[in-house]
Amino acid sequence: MSGFDFHGTNFRNVDLSYANLTEVNLQDALLPSAQLRGANLSEGNVQRADFYGADLSQAYLGDGVDAMLRSVDAHDADFSNATLSQANLCGIDLSRAKLKNANLDGADLRHANLHEAYLEAADFRRTNLRWVRMQQAMANSVNLSGADLTHADLRGSNLSSTGFNGADLTHADVRASVLIGADLSGADLSGTNLEDANLEGVDLSRVVYHDISLETFFPE
């Protein structure tokens, strides 16, 4: 099915496991509860597509190691309650996408664009988020335990009650973000920029903070 145009097609409950969907146009397509486990959707267009409750575990929506390659356009798509565990999402455009309650445990989102994405209560445990762009995202109550957020851009995001325990935020940019009640226990904040961030009620026990001013945590 590589290269097919499925614009607006209804794939509700359809089994597309391990299908070759490279360069496929799924813009505005309906895929709620579809089975896409192990499917290859690289270089495709899934703008505004509805993946509500779909299983995309181990699916390939990324562009491999080279983040300069053309990747999947998924802006404004709905992945709410979808399973994307261990999926390759390198470089994917998820700007303004909905991922509420989505499971991305162990997924690879290096260089992904999550600008203004809605991520409430999503599971990002052990996810690779190096160099991710997540500015102004609604990411409250997200599970980022053990995630790699090295050089991540989280400026202006709502990260209230989010779990960062054991996460690596080395050189991440968290300026002007809201982290009220967040759990940063055991996180690596070496070189992290927390200027103007709201850290009210944050758990900072056992944090690593080389090359960061203590005034960030204990202002005069």
C-alpha atoms as a PDB file:
ATOM      1  CA  MET A   1       0.000   0.000   0.000  1.00  0.00           C
ATOM      2  CA  SER A   2       3.047   2.225  -0.188  1.00  0.00           C
ATOM      3  CA  GLY A   3       2.270   5.663  -1.646  1.00  0.00           C
ATOM      4  CA  PHE A   4      -1.532   5.223  -1.651  1.00  0.00           C
ATOM      5  CA  ASP A   5      -3.897   8.160  -1.089  1.00  0.00           C
ATOM      6  CA  PHE A   6      -6.299   7.308   1.760  1.00  0.00           C
ATOM      7  CA  HIS A   7      -7.388  10.883   2.466  1.00  0.00           C
ATOM      8  CA  GLY A   8     -10.447  10.775   4.751  1.00  0.00           C
ATOM      9  CA  THR A   9     -10.737   6.976   4.588  1.00  0.00           C
ATOM     10  CA  ASN A  10     -12.452   5.141   7.452  1.00  0.00           C
ATOM     11  CA  PHE A  11     -10.173   2.413   8.900  1.00  0.00           C
ATOM     12  CA  ARG A  12     -12.058   2.000  12.176  1.00  0.00           C
ATOM     13  CA  ASN A  13     -11.123  -1.336  13.839  1.00  0.00           C
ATOM     14  CA  VAL A  14      -9.143  -2.418  10.740  1.00  0.00           C
ATOM     15  CA  ASP A  15      -6.082  -4.640  11.239  1.00  0.00           C
ATOM     16  CA  LEU A  16      -3.076  -3.084   9.479  1.00  0.00           C
ATOM     17  CA  SER A  17      -0.422  -4.758  11.615  1.00  0.00           C
ATOM     18  CA  TYR A  18       3.051  -4.708  10.027  1.00  0.00           C
ATOM     19  CA  ALA A  19       1.643  -3.081   6.871  1.00  0.00           C
ATOM     20  CA  ASN A  20       3.926  -1.081   4.561  1.00  0.00           C
ATOM     21  CA  LEU A  21       2.318   2.374   4.630  1.00  0.00           C
ATOM     22  CA  THR A  22       5.351   4.416   3.597  1.00  0.00           C
ATOM     23  CA  GLU A  23       4.537   7.731   1.902  1.00  0.00           C
ATOM     24  CA  VAL A  24       0.816   7.030   2.383  1.00  0.00           C
ATOM     25  CA  ASN A  25      -1.598   9.967   2.663  1.00  0.00           C
ATOM     26  CA  LEU A  26      -3.830   9.439   5.712  1.00  0.00           C
ATOM     27  CA  GLN A  27      -4.809  13.076   6.094  1.00  0.00           C
ATOM     28  CA  ASP A  28      -8.174  13.340   7.909  1.00  0.00           C
ATOM     29  CA  ALA A  29      -8.418   9.526   7.951  1.00  0.00           C
ATOM     30  CA  LEU A  30     -10.366   7.743  10.702  1.00  0.00           C
ATOM     31  CA  LEU A  31      -8.383   5.009  12.455  1.00  0.00           C
ATOM     32  CA  PRO A  32      -9.945   4.673  15.924  1.00  0.00           C
ATOM     33  CA  SER A  33      -9.117   1.321  17.540  1.00  0.00           C
ATOM     34  CA  ALA A  34      -7.187   0.272  14.404  1.00  0.00           C
ATOM     35  CA  GLN A  35      -4.397  -2.288  14.744  1.00  0.00           C
ATOM     36  CA  LEU A  36      -1.166  -0.763  13.399  1.00  0.00           C
ATOM     37  CA  ARG A  37       1.338  -2.739  15.444  1.00  0.00           C
ATOM     38  CA  GLY A  38       4.715  -2.776  13.688  1.00  0.00           C
ATOM     39  CA  ALA A  39       3.374  -0.826  10.694  1.00  0.00           C
ATOM     40  CA  ASN A  40       5.715   1.421   8.697  1.00  0.00           C
ATOM     41  CA  LEU A  41       4.203   4.896   8.235  1.00  0.00           C
ATOM     42  CA  SER A  42       7.458   6.718   7.517  1.00  0.00           C
ATOM     43  CA  GLU A  43       7.408   9.783   5.247  1.00  0.00           C
ATOM     44  CA  GLY A  44       3.620   9.785   5.311  1.00  0.00           C
ATOM     45  CA  ASN A  45       0.993  12.435   5.993  1.00  0.00           C
ATOM     46  CA  VAL A  46      -1.343  11.865   8.938  1.00  0.00           C
ATOM     47  CA  GLN A  47      -2.458  15.458   9.486  1.00  0.00           C
ATOM     48  CA  ARG A  48      -5.656  15.630  11.555  1.00  0.00           C
ATOM     49  CA  ALA A  49      -5.995  11.839  11.409  1.00  0.00           C
ATOM     50  CA  ASP A  50      -7.907  10.175  14.253  1.00  0.00           C
ATOM     51  CA  PHE A  51      -5.923   7.375  15.945  1.00  0.00           C
ATOM     52  CA  TYR A  52      -8.028   7.343  19.120  1.00  0.00           C
ATOM     53  CA  GLY A  53      -7.386   4.084  20.966  1.00  0.00           C
ATOM     54  CA  ALA A  54      -5.327   2.647  18.084  1.00  0.00           C
ATOM     55  CA  ASP A  55      -2.459   0.215  18.703  1.00  0.00           C
ATOM     56  CA  LEU A  56       0.740   1.571  17.117  1.00  0.00           C
ATOM     57  CA  SER A  57       3.167  -0.296  19.359  1.00  0.00           C
ATOM     58  CA  GLN A  58       6.526  -0.870  17.637  1.00  0.00           C
ATOM     59  CA  ALA A  59       5.259   1.124  14.645  1.00  0.00           C
ATOM     60  CA  TYR A  60       7.725   3.125  12.568  1.00  0.00           C
ATOM     61  CA  LEU A  61       6.726   6.758  12.067  1.00  0.00           C
ATOM     62  CA  GLY A  62      10.173   8.256  12.249  1.00  0.00           C
ATOM     63  CA  ASP A  63      13.048   9.015   9.962  1.00  0.00           C
ATOM     64  CA  GLY A  64      15.790   6.899  11.456  1.00  0.00           C
ATOM     65  CA  VAL A  65      18.935   8.373  12.936  1.00  0.00           C
ATOM     66  CA  ASP A  66      19.243  11.294  10.501  1.00  0.00           C
ATOM     67  CA  ALA A  67      16.817  13.913  11.807  1.00  0.00           C
ATOM     68  CA  MET A  68      17.212  15.946   8.636  1.00  0.00           C
ATOM     69  CA  LEU A  69      15.272  13.406   6.573  1.00  0.00           C
ATOM     70  CA  ARG A  70      11.607  14.085   5.785  1.00  0.00           C
ATOM     71  CA  SER A  71       9.478  12.513   8.483  1.00  0.00           C
ATOM     72  CA  VAL A  72       5.804  12.008   9.294  1.00  0.00           C
ATOM     73  CA  ASP A  73       3.547  15.054   9.480  1.00  0.00           C
ATOM     74  CA  ALA A  74       1.121  14.360  12.323  1.00  0.00           C
ATOM     75  CA  HIS A  75       0.252  17.877  13.439  1.00  0.00           C
ATOM     76  CA  ASP A  76      -3.243  18.207  14.919  1.00  0.00           C
ATOM     77  CA  ALA A  77      -3.656  14.394  14.830  1.00  0.00           C
ATOM     78  CA  ASP A  78      -5.476  12.643  17.678  1.00  0.00           C
ATOM     79  CA  PHE A  79      -3.489   9.860  19.391  1.00  0.00           C
ATOM     80  CA  SER A  80      -5.525   9.985  22.620  1.00  0.00           C
ATOM     81  CA  ASN A  81      -5.488   6.618  24.429  1.00  0.00           C
ATOM     82  CA  ALA A  82      -3.331   5.180  21.614  1.00  0.00           C
ATOM     83  CA  THR A  83      -0.496   2.725  22.236  1.00  0.00           C
ATOM     84  CA  LEU A  84       2.830   3.897  20.793  1.00  0.00           C
ATOM     85  CA  SER A  85       5.171   1.964  23.065  1.00  0.00           C
ATOM     86  CA  GLN A  86       8.635   1.371  21.554  1.00  0.00           C
ATOM     87  CA  ALA A  87       7.535   3.160  18.358  1.00  0.00           C
ATOM     88  CA  ASN A  88      10.110   4.971  16.222  1.00  0.00           C
ATOM     89  CA  LEU A  89       8.909   8.580  16.112  1.00  0.00           C
ATOM     90  CA  CYS A  90      12.209  10.325  15.374  1.00  0.00           C
ATOM     91  CA  GLY A  91      11.641  13.771  13.918  1.00  0.00           C
ATOM     92  CA  ILE A  92       7.849  13.399  13.792  1.00  0.00           C
ATOM     93  CA  ASP A  93       5.763  16.597  13.728  1.00  0.00           C
ATOM     94  CA  LEU A  94       3.232  16.260  16.560  1.00  0.00           C
ATOM     95  CA  SER A  95       2.630  19.977  16.989  1.00  0.00           C
ATOM     96  CA  ARG A  96      -0.815  20.624  18.485  1.00  0.00           C
ATOM     97  CA  ALA A  97      -1.475  16.865  18.438  1.00  0.00           C
ATOM     98  CA  LYS A  98      -3.593  15.231  21.145  1.00  0.00           C
ATOM     99  CA  LEU A  99      -1.873  12.445  23.087  1.00  0.00           C
ATOM    100  CA  LYS A 100      -3.965  12.412  26.254  1.00  0.00           C
ATOM    101  CA  ASN A 101      -3.502   9.095  28.100  1.00  0.00           C
ATOM    102  CA  ALA A 102      -1.350   7.775  25.223  1.00  0.00           C
ATOM    103  CA  ASN A 103       1.238   5.088  26.010  1.00  0.00           C
ATOM    104  CA  LEU A 104       4.668   5.980  24.580  1.00  0.00           C
ATOM    105  CA  ASP A 105       6.713   3.854  26.979  1.00  0.00           C
ATOM    106  CA  GLY A 106      10.173   3.336  25.487  1.00  0.00           C
ATOM    107  CA  ALA A 107       9.386   5.215  22.253  1.00  0.00           C
ATOM    108  CA  ASP A 108      12.064   7.105  20.317  1.00  0.00           C
ATOM    109  CA  LEU A 109      11.093  10.766  19.832  1.00  0.00           C
ATOM    110  CA  ARG A 110      14.488  12.314  19.183  1.00  0.00           C
ATOM    111  CA  HIS A 111      14.155  15.715  17.464  1.00  0.00           C
ATOM    112  CA  ALA A 112      10.333  15.407  17.480  1.00  0.00           C
ATOM    113  CA  ASN A 113       8.156  18.527  17.416  1.00  0.00           C
ATOM    114  CA  LEU A 114       5.566  18.577  20.225  1.00  0.00           C
ATOM    115  CA  HIS A 115       4.939  22.322  20.184  1.00  0.00           C
ATOM    116  CA  GLU A 116       1.602  23.097  21.852  1.00  0.00           C
ATOM    117  CA  ALA A 117       0.771  19.385  22.028  1.00  0.00           C
ATOM    118  CA  TYR A 118      -1.853  18.141  24.506  1.00  0.00           C
ATOM    119  CA  LEU A 119      -0.149  15.429  26.535  1.00  0.00           C
ATOM    120  CA  GLU A 120      -2.159  15.211  29.753  1.00  0.00           C
ATOM    121  CA  ALA A 121      -1.581  11.947  31.652  1.00  0.00           C
ATOM    122  CA  ALA A 122       0.462  10.431  28.805  1.00  0.00           C
ATOM    123  CA  ASP A 123       3.033   7.726  29.597  1.00  0.00           C
ATOM    124  CA  PHE A 124       6.535   8.704  28.431  1.00  0.00           C
ATOM    125  CA  ARG A 125       8.487   6.355  30.712  1.00  0.00           C
ATOM    126  CA  ARG A 126      11.990   5.554  29.450  1.00  0.00           C
ATOM    127  CA  THR A 127      11.262   7.548  26.294  1.00  0.00           C
ATOM    128  CA  ASN A 128      14.098   9.056  24.249  1.00  0.00           C
ATOM    129  CA  LEU A 129      13.241  12.765  24.002  1.00  0.00           C
ATOM    130  CA  ARG A 130      16.679  14.135  23.174  1.00  0.00           C
ATOM    131  CA  TRP A 131      16.460  17.504  21.402  1.00  0.00           C
ATOM    132  CA  VAL A 132      12.641  17.355  21.448  1.00  0.00           C
ATOM    133  CA  ARG A 133      10.774  20.649  20.928  1.00  0.00           C
ATOM    134  CA  MET A 134       7.953  20.744  23.461  1.00  0.00           C
ATOM    135  CA  GLN A 135       7.350  24.456  23.919  1.00  0.00           C
ATOM    136  CA  GLN A 136       4.029  25.608  25.383  1.00  0.00           C
ATOM    137  CA  ALA A 137       2.768  22.032  25.675  1.00  0.00           C
ATOM    138  CA  MET A 138      -0.030  21.016  28.032  1.00  0.00           C
ATOM    139  CA  ALA A 139       1.896  18.234  29.763  1.00  0.00           C
ATOM    140  CA  ASN A 140       0.416  18.065  33.241  1.00  0.00           C
ATOM    141  CA  SER A 141       0.354  14.719  35.071  1.00  0.00           C
ATOM    142  CA  VAL A 142       2.624  13.141  32.437  1.00  0.00           C
ATOM    143  CA  ASN A 143       4.864  10.223  33.435  1.00  0.00           C
ATOM    144  CA  LEU A 144       8.428  11.014  32.304  1.00  0.00           C
ATOM    145  CA  SER A 145      10.164   8.684  34.749  1.00  0.00           C
ATOM    146  CA  GLY A 146      13.559   7.628  33.440  1.00  0.00           C
ATOM    147  CA  ALA A 147      13.085   9.586  30.203  1.00  0.00           C
ATOM    148  CA  ASP A 148      16.050  11.116  28.363  1.00  0.00           C
ATOM    149  CA  LEU A 149      15.321  14.831  27.928  1.00  0.00           C
ATOM    150  CA  THR A 150      18.867  15.918  27.159  1.00  0.00           C
ATOM    151  CA  HIS A 151      18.782  19.302  25.360  1.00  0.00           C
ATOM    152  CA  ALA A 152      14.951  19.202  25.320  1.00  0.00           C
ATOM    153  CA  ASP A 153      13.155  22.531  24.814  1.00  0.00           C
ATOM    154  CA  LEU A 154      10.263  22.688  27.304  1.00  0.00           C
ATOM    155  CA  ARG A 155       9.890  26.463  27.485  1.00  0.00           C
ATOM    156  CA  GLY A 156       6.535  27.765  28.633  1.00  0.00           C
ATOM    157  CA  SER A 157       4.979  24.342  29.118  1.00  0.00           C
ATOM    158  CA  ASN A 158       2.542  23.288  31.825  1.00  0.00           C
ATOM    159  CA  LEU A 159       4.327  20.417  33.586  1.00  0.00           C
ATOM    160  CA  SER A 160       2.333  20.474  36.815  1.00  0.00           C
ATOM    161  CA  SER A 161       2.199  17.186  38.745  1.00  0.00           C
ATOM    162  CA  THR A 162       4.420  15.575  36.104  1.00  0.00           C
ATOM    163  CA  GLY A 163       6.788  12.802  37.174  1.00  0.00           C
ATOM    164  CA  PHE A 164      10.423  13.390  36.183  1.00  0.00           C
ATOM    165  CA  ASN A 165      11.876  11.004  38.757  1.00  0.00           C
ATOM    166  CA  GLY A 166      15.143   9.583  37.481  1.00  0.00           C
ATOM    167  CA  ALA A 167      14.867  11.549  34.223  1.00  0.00           C
ATOM    168  CA  ASP A 168      17.863  13.108  32.481  1.00  0.00           C
ATOM    169  CA  LEU A 169      17.284  16.839  31.884  1.00  0.00           C
ATOM    170  CA  THR A 170      20.908  17.674  31.183  1.00  0.00           C
ATOM    171  CA  HIS A 171      21.062  21.057  29.386  1.00  0.00           C
ATOM    172  CA  ALA A 172      17.274  21.088  28.967  1.00  0.00           C
ATOM    173  CA  ASP A 173      15.547  24.464  28.598  1.00  0.00           C
ATOM    174  CA  VAL A 174      12.659  24.695  31.057  1.00  0.00           C
ATOM    175  CA  ARG A 175      12.406  28.473  31.246  1.00  0.00           C
ATOM    176  CA  ALA A 176       9.039  29.973  32.212  1.00  0.00           C
ATOM    177  CA  SER A 177       7.462  26.527  32.618  1.00  0.00           C
ATOM    178  CA  VAL A 178       5.011  25.595  35.357  1.00  0.00           C
ATOM    179  CA  LEU A 179       6.144  22.603  37.431  1.00  0.00           C
ATOM    180  CA  ILE A 180       3.821  22.942  40.413  1.00  0.00           C
ATOM    181  CA  GLY A 181       3.805  19.689  42.364  1.00  0.00           C
ATOM    182  CA  ALA A 182       6.127  17.933  39.903  1.00  0.00           C
ATOM    183  CA  ASP A 183       8.347  15.045  41.021  1.00  0.00           C
ATOM    184  CA  LEU A 184      11.995  15.694  40.101  1.00  0.00           C
ATOM    185  CA  SER A 185      13.433  13.262  42.617  1.00  0.00           C
ATOM    186  CA  GLY A 186      16.639  11.673  41.380  1.00  0.00           C
ATOM    187  CA  ALA A 187      16.554  13.677  38.144  1.00  0.00           C
ATOM    188  CA  ASP A 188      19.740  14.995  36.526  1.00  0.00           C
ATOM    189  CA  LEU A 189      19.406  18.779  36.203  1.00  0.00           C
ATOM    190  CA  SER A 190      23.020  19.432  35.232  1.00  0.00           C
ATOM    191  CA  GLY A 191      23.090  22.547  33.081  1.00  0.00           C
ATOM    192  CA  THR A 192      19.267  22.766  33.054  1.00  0.00           C
ATOM    193  CA  ASN A 193      17.879  26.277  32.514  1.00  0.00           C
ATOM    194  CA  LEU A 194      15.036  26.815  35.004  1.00  0.00           C
ATOM    195  CA  GLU A 195      14.889  30.599  34.771  1.00  0.00           C
ATOM    196  CA  ASP A 196      11.426  31.943  35.727  1.00  0.00           C
ATOM    197  CA  ALA A 197      10.069  28.407  36.154  1.00  0.00           C
ATOM    198  CA  ASN A 198       7.432  27.853  38.839  1.00  0.00           C
ATOM    199  CA  LEU A 199       8.794  25.174  41.183  1.00  0.00           C
ATOM    200  CA  GLU A 200       6.154  25.436  43.883  1.00  0.00           C
ATOM    201  CA  GLY A 201       5.792  22.164  45.764  1.00  0.00           C
ATOM    202  CA  VAL A 202       8.358  20.354  43.573  1.00  0.00           C
ATOM    203  CA  ASP A 203      10.133  17.263  44.968  1.00  0.00           C
ATOM    204  CA  LEU A 204      13.858  17.947  44.467  1.00  0.00           C
ATOM    205  CA  SER A 205      15.194  15.137  46.635  1.00  0.00           C
ATOM    206  CA  ARG A 206      18.346  13.434  45.348  1.00  0.00           C
ATOM    207  CA  VAL A 207      18.585  15.656  42.264  1.00  0.00           C
ATOM    208  CA  VAL A 208      21.895  15.995  40.449  1.00  0.00           C
ATOM    209  CA  TYR A 209      22.635  19.620  39.604  1.00  0.00           C
ATOM    210  CA  HIS A 210      26.196  20.154  38.390  1.00  0.00           C
ATOM    211  CA  ASP A 211      26.699  23.505  36.623  1.00  0.00           C
ATOM    212  CA  ILE A 212      23.451  24.938  37.960  1.00  0.00           C
ATOM    213  CA  SER A 213      23.093  27.679  40.538  1.00  0.00           C
ATOM    214  CA  LEU A 214      21.613  26.768  43.909  1.00  0.00           C
ATOM    215  CA  GLU A 215      19.714  30.069  43.662  1.00  0.00           C
ATOM    216  CA  THR A 216      17.495  28.295  41.134  1.00  0.00           C
ATOM    217  CA  PHE A 217      16.135  26.185  43.981  1.00  0.00           C
ATOM    218  CA  PHE A 218      16.716  28.500  46.934  1.00  0.00           C
ATOM    219  CA  PRO A 219      16.375  32.141  45.790  1.00  0.00           C
ATOM    220  CA  GLU A 220      17.186  34.834  48.281  1.00  0.00           C
END
